Amino acid sequence: MPIEVKAEENLRARSLRLVHDKYGLHGLRTSMSGFREQDWMTNVPLWAIGPYFMRQSDSPKG
């Protein structure tokens, strides 16, 4: 999973979008912005990235 970290709310994710377009991978961006699910990318707030990964590791693989 490609991951992009943004320190502010500047949410331009060009590199992440290029990886998605080239390889079809769903990206993960973490930033100061709120949670947002899009077809090609999920944005997780910086403060929630730890709990997000903990939840992902607890979910069944499918």
N, C-alpha and C. Protein backbone atom coordinates (compact mmCIF):
# COMPACT_ATOMS: atom_id res chain seq x y z
N MET A 1 0.85 -1.17 0.00
CA MET A 1 0.00 0.00 0.00
C MET A 1 0.90 1.24 0.00
N PRO A 2 0.77 2.10 -0.98
CA PRO A 2 1.52 3.35 -0.97
C PRO A 2 0.98 4.29 0.10
N ILE A 3 1.89 4.95 0.81
CA ILE A 3 1.52 5.86 1.90
C ILE A 3 2.18 7.21 1.66
N GLU A 4 1.41 8.28 1.85
CA GLU A 4 1.94 9.63 1.74
C GLU A 4 1.58 10.37 3.02
N VAL A 5 2.54 11.08 3.60
CA VAL A 5 2.35 11.83 4.83
C VAL A 5 2.45 13.32 4.51
N LYS A 6 1.43 14.06 4.93
CA LYS A 6 1.41 15.52 4.75
C LYS A 6 1.41 16.18 6.12
N ALA A 7 2.25 17.17 6.30
CA ALA A 7 2.35 17.84 7.60
C ALA A 7 1.25 18.88 7.80
N GLU A 8 0.70 19.37 6.76
CA GLU A 8 -0.33 20.42 6.84
C GLU A 8 -1.61 19.93 6.18
N GLU A 9 -2.45 20.86 5.78
CA GLU A 9 -3.67 20.50 5.07
C GLU A 9 -3.53 20.68 3.57
N ASN A 10 -2.29 20.89 3.09
CA ASN A 10 -2.05 20.93 1.65
C ASN A 10 -2.20 19.50 1.15
N LEU A 11 -3.30 19.21 0.50
CA LEU A 11 -3.65 17.83 0.20
C LEU A 11 -3.35 17.40 -1.23
N ARG A 12 -2.45 18.08 -1.89
CA ARG A 12 -2.07 17.63 -3.22
C ARG A 12 -1.29 16.33 -3.06
N ALA A 13 -1.76 15.30 -3.67
CA ALA A 13 -1.14 13.98 -3.54
C ALA A 13 -0.75 13.47 -4.93
N ARG A 14 0.05 14.25 -5.63
CA ARG A 14 0.41 13.90 -7.00
C ARG A 14 1.11 12.55 -7.10
N SER A 15 2.12 12.34 -6.24
CA SER A 15 2.87 11.08 -6.29
C SER A 15 1.97 9.90 -6.01
N LEU A 16 1.11 10.04 -5.01
CA LEU A 16 0.19 8.98 -4.65
C LEU A 16 -0.76 8.68 -5.80
N ARG A 17 -1.24 9.70 -6.45
CA ARG A 17 -2.15 9.53 -7.59
C ARG A 17 -1.44 8.85 -8.76
N LEU A 18 -0.18 9.22 -8.99
CA LEU A 18 0.58 8.59 -10.07
C LEU A 18 0.77 7.09 -9.81
N VAL A 19 1.05 6.72 -8.57
CA VAL A 19 1.21 5.31 -8.23
C VAL A 19 -0.12 4.57 -8.45
N HIS A 20 -1.21 5.20 -8.03
CA HIS A 20 -2.53 4.58 -8.24
C HIS A 20 -2.79 4.39 -9.74
N ASP A 21 -2.56 5.43 -10.51
CA ASP A 21 -2.85 5.34 -11.94
C ASP A 21 -1.99 4.30 -12.64
N LYS A 22 -0.73 4.19 -12.23
CA LYS A 22 0.19 3.26 -12.89
C LYS A 22 0.00 1.81 -12.43
N TYR A 23 -0.21 1.60 -11.13
CA TYR A 23 -0.24 0.24 -10.58
C TYR A 23 -1.61 -0.19 -10.06
N GLY A 24 -2.56 0.73 -9.99
CA GLY A 24 -3.89 0.39 -9.52
C GLY A 24 -3.98 0.15 -8.02
N LEU A 25 -3.02 0.64 -7.26
CA LEU A 25 -3.01 0.44 -5.81
C LEU A 25 -3.81 1.53 -5.11
N HIS A 26 -4.56 1.13 -4.08
CA HIS A 26 -5.29 2.09 -3.25
C HIS A 26 -4.30 2.74 -2.30
N GLY A 27 -4.23 4.06 -2.30
CA GLY A 27 -3.27 4.78 -1.48
C GLY A 27 -3.80 5.17 -0.12
N LEU A 28 -2.88 5.45 0.79
CA LEU A 28 -3.21 5.94 2.12
C LEU A 28 -2.44 7.23 2.34
N ARG A 29 -3.18 8.28 2.66
CA ARG A 29 -2.55 9.56 2.98
C ARG A 29 -2.92 9.91 4.40
N THR A 30 -1.97 10.43 5.14
CA THR A 30 -2.26 10.93 6.48
C THR A 30 -1.90 12.40 6.50
N SER A 31 -2.78 13.20 7.09
CA SER A 31 -2.60 14.65 7.09
C SER A 31 -3.39 15.25 8.25
N MET A 32 -3.38 16.57 8.33
CA MET A 32 -4.14 17.27 9.36
C MET A 32 -5.63 17.33 9.02
N SER A 33 -5.99 16.92 7.82
CA SER A 33 -7.39 16.92 7.40
C SER A 33 -8.12 15.73 8.02
N GLY A 34 -9.44 15.75 7.97
CA GLY A 34 -10.24 14.68 8.54
C GLY A 34 -10.24 13.42 7.69
N PHE A 35 -10.88 12.38 8.23
CA PHE A 35 -10.99 11.11 7.53
C PHE A 35 -11.80 11.29 6.26
N ARG A 36 -11.31 10.72 5.17
CA ARG A 36 -12.02 10.79 3.90
C ARG A 36 -11.68 9.56 3.07
N GLU A 37 -12.69 8.87 2.61
CA GLU A 37 -12.53 7.69 1.77
C GLU A 37 -12.87 8.07 0.35
N GLN A 38 -11.94 7.82 -0.57
CA GLN A 38 -12.18 8.06 -1.98
C GLN A 38 -11.94 6.74 -2.72
N ASP A 39 -12.31 6.67 -3.98
CA ASP A 39 -12.14 5.42 -4.71
C ASP A 39 -10.67 5.03 -4.86
N TRP A 40 -9.77 5.98 -4.91
CA TRP A 40 -8.35 5.68 -5.14
C TRP A 40 -7.46 5.91 -3.91
N MET A 41 -8.01 6.51 -2.84
CA MET A 41 -7.19 6.90 -1.71
C MET A 41 -8.04 7.08 -0.47
N THR A 42 -7.44 6.79 0.70
CA THR A 42 -8.07 7.04 1.99
C THR A 42 -7.20 8.05 2.73
N ASN A 43 -7.82 9.11 3.25
CA ASN A 43 -7.09 10.06 4.09
C ASN A 43 -7.44 9.78 5.55
N VAL A 44 -6.41 9.58 6.36
CA VAL A 44 -6.57 9.34 7.79
C VAL A 44 -5.89 10.49 8.52
N PRO A 45 -6.58 11.15 9.48
CA PRO A 45 -5.94 12.24 10.22
C PRO A 45 -4.68 11.75 10.93
N LEU A 46 -3.68 12.63 11.03
CA LEU A 46 -2.42 12.26 11.70
C LEU A 46 -2.66 11.70 13.09
N TRP A 47 -3.59 12.29 13.83
CA TRP A 47 -3.84 11.84 15.21
C TRP A 47 -4.46 10.45 15.27
N ALA A 48 -5.01 9.97 14.15
CA ALA A 48 -5.71 8.68 14.15
C ALA A 48 -4.96 7.57 13.43
N ILE A 49 -3.75 7.82 12.98
CA ILE A 49 -3.06 6.81 12.17
C ILE A 49 -2.72 5.56 12.98
N GLY A 50 -2.35 5.72 14.25
CA GLY A 50 -2.07 4.56 15.10
C GLY A 50 -3.28 3.67 15.28
N PRO A 51 -4.41 4.23 15.74
CA PRO A 51 -5.62 3.43 15.86
C PRO A 51 -6.08 2.83 14.53
N TYR A 52 -5.87 3.55 13.41
CA TYR A 52 -6.26 3.04 12.10
C TYR A 52 -5.51 1.74 11.80
N PHE A 53 -4.20 1.74 12.03
CA PHE A 53 -3.41 0.54 11.75
C PHE A 53 -3.73 -0.58 12.75
N MET A 54 -4.03 -0.23 13.98
CA MET A 54 -4.42 -1.25 14.96
C MET A 54 -5.72 -1.92 14.52
N ARG A 55 -6.67 -1.13 14.05
CA ARG A 55 -7.94 -1.67 13.58
C ARG A 55 -7.73 -2.57 12.37
N GLN A 56 -6.83 -2.15 11.46
CA GLN A 56 -6.56 -2.93 10.27
C GLN A 56 -5.93 -4.28 10.63
N SER A 57 -5.05 -4.30 11.62
CA SER A 57 -4.40 -5.54 12.00
C SER A 57 -5.36 -6.49 12.72
N ASP A 58 -6.43 -5.96 13.31
CA ASP A 58 -7.41 -6.78 14.01
C ASP A 58 -8.47 -7.36 13.07
N SER A 59 -8.62 -6.77 11.87
CA SER A 59 -9.67 -7.23 10.97
C SER A 59 -9.22 -8.50 10.25
N PRO A 60 -10.17 -9.38 9.94
CA PRO A 60 -9.83 -10.62 9.23
C PRO A 60 -9.34 -10.34 7.82
N LYS A 61 -8.39 -11.08 7.37
CA LYS A 61 -7.86 -10.92 6.01
C LYS A 61 -8.82 -11.61 5.05
N GLY A 62 -9.09 -10.96 3.94
CA GLY A 62 -10.05 -11.55 3.03
C GLY A 62 -9.78 -11.25 1.67
